[in-house]
Protein backbone atom coordinates (compact mmCIF):
# COMPACT_ATOMS: atom_id res chain seq x y z
CA MET A 1 0.00 0.00 0.00
CA ALA A 2 1.37 3.42 -0.95
CA ARG A 3 1.98 6.02 1.76
CA GLY A 4 -0.69 8.73 2.12
CA GLU A 5 -3.50 6.66 0.52
CA VAL A 6 -6.43 4.71 1.97
CA ASP A 7 -6.92 1.13 0.76
CA LEU A 8 -10.65 0.49 0.35
CA PRO A 9 -12.16 -2.83 -0.64
CA ARG A 10 -14.18 -3.75 -3.79
CA GLY A 11 -12.26 -1.47 -6.13
CA VAL A 12 -13.32 1.80 -4.57
CA LYS A 13 -11.06 4.60 -5.62
CA CYS A 14 -8.59 5.65 -2.97
CA PHE A 15 -8.37 9.26 -1.92
CA SER A 16 -5.28 10.91 -0.54
CA TYR A 17 -5.33 13.04 2.56
CA ARG A 18 -4.59 16.09 0.44
CA ARG A 19 -7.76 15.62 -1.60
CA ILE A 20 -9.85 15.16 1.54
CA THR A 21 -8.42 18.38 3.00
CA THR A 22 -9.16 20.21 -0.23
CA GLY A 23 -12.76 19.02 -0.12
CA PHE A 24 -13.22 20.27 3.43
CA CYS A 25 -11.79 23.66 2.47
CA CYS A 26 -14.25 23.95 -0.41
CA VAL A 27 -17.18 23.15 1.86
CA ASN A 28 -16.03 25.75 4.39
CA LEU A 29 -15.66 28.34 1.63
CA ILE A 30 -19.22 27.71 0.45
CA LEU A 31 -20.55 28.06 4.00
CA ALA A 32 -18.61 31.30 4.47
CA LEU A 33 -20.08 32.73 1.27
CA PHE A 34 -23.57 31.80 2.45
CA VAL A 35 -23.03 33.54 5.79
CA LEU A 36 -21.71 36.69 4.09
CA ARG A 37 -24.73 36.74 1.82
CA SER A 38 -27.13 36.51 4.77
CA LEU A 39 -25.28 39.33 6.57
CA ASN A 40 -25.46 41.54 3.51
CA SER A 41 -29.19 40.91 3.21
CA THR A 42 -29.83 41.96 6.82
CA SER A 43 -27.63 45.06 6.57
CA SER A 44 -29.44 46.25 3.48
CA VAL A 45 -32.87 46.19 5.14
CA SER A 46 -32.76 49.90 6.00
CA LEU A 47 -31.71 50.79 2.45
CA GLU A 48 -34.51 48.70 0.99
CA SER A 49 -37.06 50.28 3.31
CA SER A 50 -36.07 53.76 2.14
CA THR A 51 -36.42 52.72 -1.49
CA GLY A 52 -39.83 51.11 -0.90
CA VAL A 53 -38.79 47.55 -1.71
CA ARG A 54 -41.12 44.89 -0.35
CA PHE A 55 -39.58 42.66 2.29
CA SER A 56 -39.88 38.92 2.39
CA ASP A 57 -41.69 37.10 5.19
CA GLU A 58 -38.41 36.05 6.74
CA GLN A 59 -37.09 39.61 6.81
CA ILE A 60 -40.33 40.88 8.35
CA LYS A 61 -40.09 38.24 11.07
CA ARG A 62 -36.51 39.30 11.80
CA LEU A 63 -37.56 42.94 12.07
CA GLU A 64 -40.43 42.11 14.41
CA GLU A 65 -38.13 39.99 16.54
CA SER A 66 -35.54 42.77 16.80
CA ILE A 67 -38.23 45.30 17.77
CA ARG A 68 -39.58 42.92 20.41
CA ILE A 69 -36.10 42.41 21.85
CA ARG A 70 -35.46 46.17 22.02
CA LYS A 71 -38.77 46.74 23.82
CA ALA A 72 -38.00 43.92 26.23
CA PHE A 73 -34.72 45.58 27.20
CA GLU A 74 -36.17 49.08 27.60
CA PRO A 75 -35.94 50.37 31.21
CA VAL A 76 -39.70 50.67 31.71
CA GLU A 77 -39.54 50.53 35.49
CA LEU A 78 -36.80 53.13 35.54
CA ALA A 79 -38.90 55.48 33.42
CA ARG A 80 -41.86 55.03 35.78
CA LEU A 81 -39.64 55.72 38.77
CA VAL A 82 -38.38 58.92 37.15
CA LYS A 83 -41.96 60.08 36.57
CA ARG A 84 -42.88 59.41 40.18
CA LEU A 85 -39.82 61.29 41.39
CA LYS A 86 -40.75 64.27 39.22
CA LYS A 87 -44.25 64.34 40.68
CA ALA A 88 -42.86 64.07 44.19
CA SER A 89 -40.40 66.90 43.55
CA LYS A 90 -43.26 69.13 42.37
CA SER A 91 -45.16 68.50 45.58
CA ARG A 92 -42.04 69.35 47.62
CA ASN A 93 -41.44 72.69 45.94
CA SER A 94 -43.46 74.52 48.59
CA LYS A 95 -41.58 72.92 51.52
CA PRO A 96 -38.50 75.23 51.43
CA VAL A 97 -40.78 78.30 51.49
CA GLU A 98 -42.68 76.96 54.49
CA LEU A 99 -39.42 76.16 56.28
CA ASN A 100 -38.10 79.66 55.67
CA LEU A 101 -41.31 81.16 57.05
CA ALA A 102 -41.10 78.92 60.12
CA TYR A 103 -37.49 79.95 60.76
CA GLU A 104 -38.38 83.62 60.43
CA ILE A 105 -41.29 83.28 62.86
CA LEU A 106 -39.23 81.34 65.40
CA SER A 107 -36.46 83.91 65.28
CA ARG A 108 -39.03 86.66 65.82
CA LEU A 109 -40.59 84.87 68.82
CA LYS A 110 -37.26 84.07 70.43
CA GLY A 111 -37.00 85.60 73.89
CA LEU A 112 -40.72 86.29 74.29
CA ASP A 113 -42.51 84.83 77.31
CA ASN A 114 -46.30 85.01 76.92
CA SER A 115 -48.90 84.64 74.22
CA THR A 116 -49.70 88.35 74.17
CA GLU A 117 -46.15 89.19 73.13
CA TRP A 118 -46.26 86.35 70.60
CA ARG A 119 -49.38 87.76 68.96
CA GLY A 120 -47.84 91.20 68.75
CA ALA A 121 -44.63 89.83 67.23
CA LEU A 122 -46.56 87.70 64.72
CA GLU A 123 -48.71 90.62 63.67
CA SER A 124 -45.68 92.86 63.14
CA TRP A 125 -43.98 90.09 61.14
CA ARG A 126 -47.10 89.65 59.00
CA VAL A 127 -47.24 93.37 58.24
CA GLU A 128 -43.54 93.45 57.36
CA LYS A 129 -43.89 90.40 55.11
CA LEU A 130 -46.82 92.00 53.27
CA GLU A 131 -44.75 95.13 52.71
CA GLU A 132 -41.91 92.99 51.40
CA ILE A 133 -44.23 91.26 48.94
CA ARG A 134 -45.63 94.57 47.73
CA SER A 135 -42.12 95.89 47.17
CA LEU A 136 -41.30 92.66 45.36
CA SER A 137 -44.14 93.18 42.90
CA LEU A 138 -42.89 96.70 42.18
CA ALA A 139 -39.15 96.00 42.11
CA ASP A 140 -37.22 95.34 38.93
CA THR A 141 -35.28 92.42 40.44
CA SER A 142 -35.88 90.09 43.37
CA ALA A 143 -32.27 89.19 44.08
CA ASN A 144 -32.16 91.02 47.43
CA LEU A 145 -35.55 89.84 48.69
CA SER A 146 -36.13 86.72 50.75
CA THR A 147 -39.42 85.76 49.05
CA PRO A 148 -39.23 84.69 45.39
CA LEU A 149 -41.61 86.26 42.92
CA LYS A 150 -43.26 82.95 41.98
CA VAL A 151 -44.80 82.42 45.41
CA ALA A 152 -45.38 86.07 46.26
CA LYS A 153 -49.02 86.12 45.16
CA LYS A 154 -49.94 82.95 47.02
CA LEU A 155 -48.14 84.10 50.14
CA LYS A 156 -49.83 87.50 49.98
CA LYS A 157 -53.25 85.87 49.82
CA ALA A 158 -52.40 83.59 52.73
CA LEU A 159 -51.16 86.48 54.86
CA GLU A 160 -54.26 88.55 54.15
CA THR A 161 -57.10 86.00 54.28
CA ASP A 162 -55.75 82.63 55.47
CA TRP A 163 -53.39 83.73 58.21
CA GLN A 164 -54.35 81.03 60.74
CA MET A 165 -54.26 78.32 58.08
CA LEU A 166 -50.77 79.44 57.07
CA LEU A 167 -49.56 79.17 60.66
CA GLU A 168 -50.99 75.67 60.94
CA SER A 169 -49.40 74.59 57.65
CA ILE A 170 -45.93 75.50 58.92
CA GLY A 171 -46.59 73.70 62.21
CA PHE A 172 -47.21 76.71 64.45
CA TRP A 173 -50.18 76.73 66.80
CA MET A 174 -51.25 79.78 68.74
CA PRO A 175 -53.64 79.29 71.69
CA SER A 176 -56.83 81.28 71.48
CA GLU A 177 -56.91 84.49 73.47
CA ILE A 178 -58.80 84.20 76.76
CA THR A 179 -60.52 87.29 78.13
CA HIS A 180 -61.14 87.30 81.87
CA ILE A 181 -64.45 88.90 82.81
CA VAL A 182 -65.31 89.44 86.48
CA VAL A 183 -69.01 88.90 87.02
CA ASP A 184 -70.42 90.62 90.10
CA ASP A 185 -73.73 88.83 90.63
CA LYS A 186 -73.85 89.30 94.40
CA PRO A 187 -77.17 90.76 95.65
CA ASP A 188 -77.19 94.28 97.03
CA ASN A 189 -78.45 93.30 100.52
CA VAL A 190 -75.64 90.82 101.18
CA GLU A 191 -73.49 93.40 102.96
CA GLU A 192 -76.42 94.53 105.18
CA LEU A 193 -77.27 90.94 106.07
CA GLY A 194 -73.66 90.25 106.91
CA GLY A 195 -73.57 93.26 109.26
CA VAL A 196 -76.71 92.16 111.09
CA LEU A 197 -75.33 88.66 111.60
CA HIS A 198 -72.06 90.08 112.94
CA GLN A 199 -73.93 92.25 115.49
CA ALA A 200 -76.05 89.28 116.59
CA ASN A 201 -72.98 87.16 117.19
CA CYS A 202 -71.37 89.89 119.28
CA PHE A 203 -74.55 90.22 121.40
CA VAL A 204 -74.63 86.46 122.06
CA LEU A 205 -71.02 86.52 123.21
CA LEU A 206 -71.71 89.36 125.63
CA ILE A 207 -74.55 87.44 127.22
């Protein structure tokens, strides 16, 4: 038997290892050409869509599958979370204003002892804040004012008509003012009756 050949029975032609290797290379080349053709067909989908060429059923299925995969990987929950955070941030926009008002009121009430002084200090602060808002509406710029222009109208309305509600919204509660009234409902003849009883007691002691 010659070297490099396969001896097969019944007169079958023998093939060398070189021919077998060449056959495998040809098969691989054909497969590579087929793969390149399929890649070119998928890459030209966008070009064909712009030219109005009708796609085959297989290409349409591939497009639908790619769209489905992209939608599956979209961060839907993240987008919902961002929307909720935006809504929550809008509801918190008024909190810094309320905190600033609370700090101003507390600094004004610092050192005061009774509710009468508190009411006087709160009323003077309310008047000053209204004057500040009026000057804000007339000023050219609000850089030097503590109340921004966006909330000036709402704050002005609250200071004028909803003063108690504003105090409650910032967490400040003022006890209602109590007026002491002395009621003299004693009868007029009480003093005379008391004098008569005192004289009677003295007379009994003398006896």
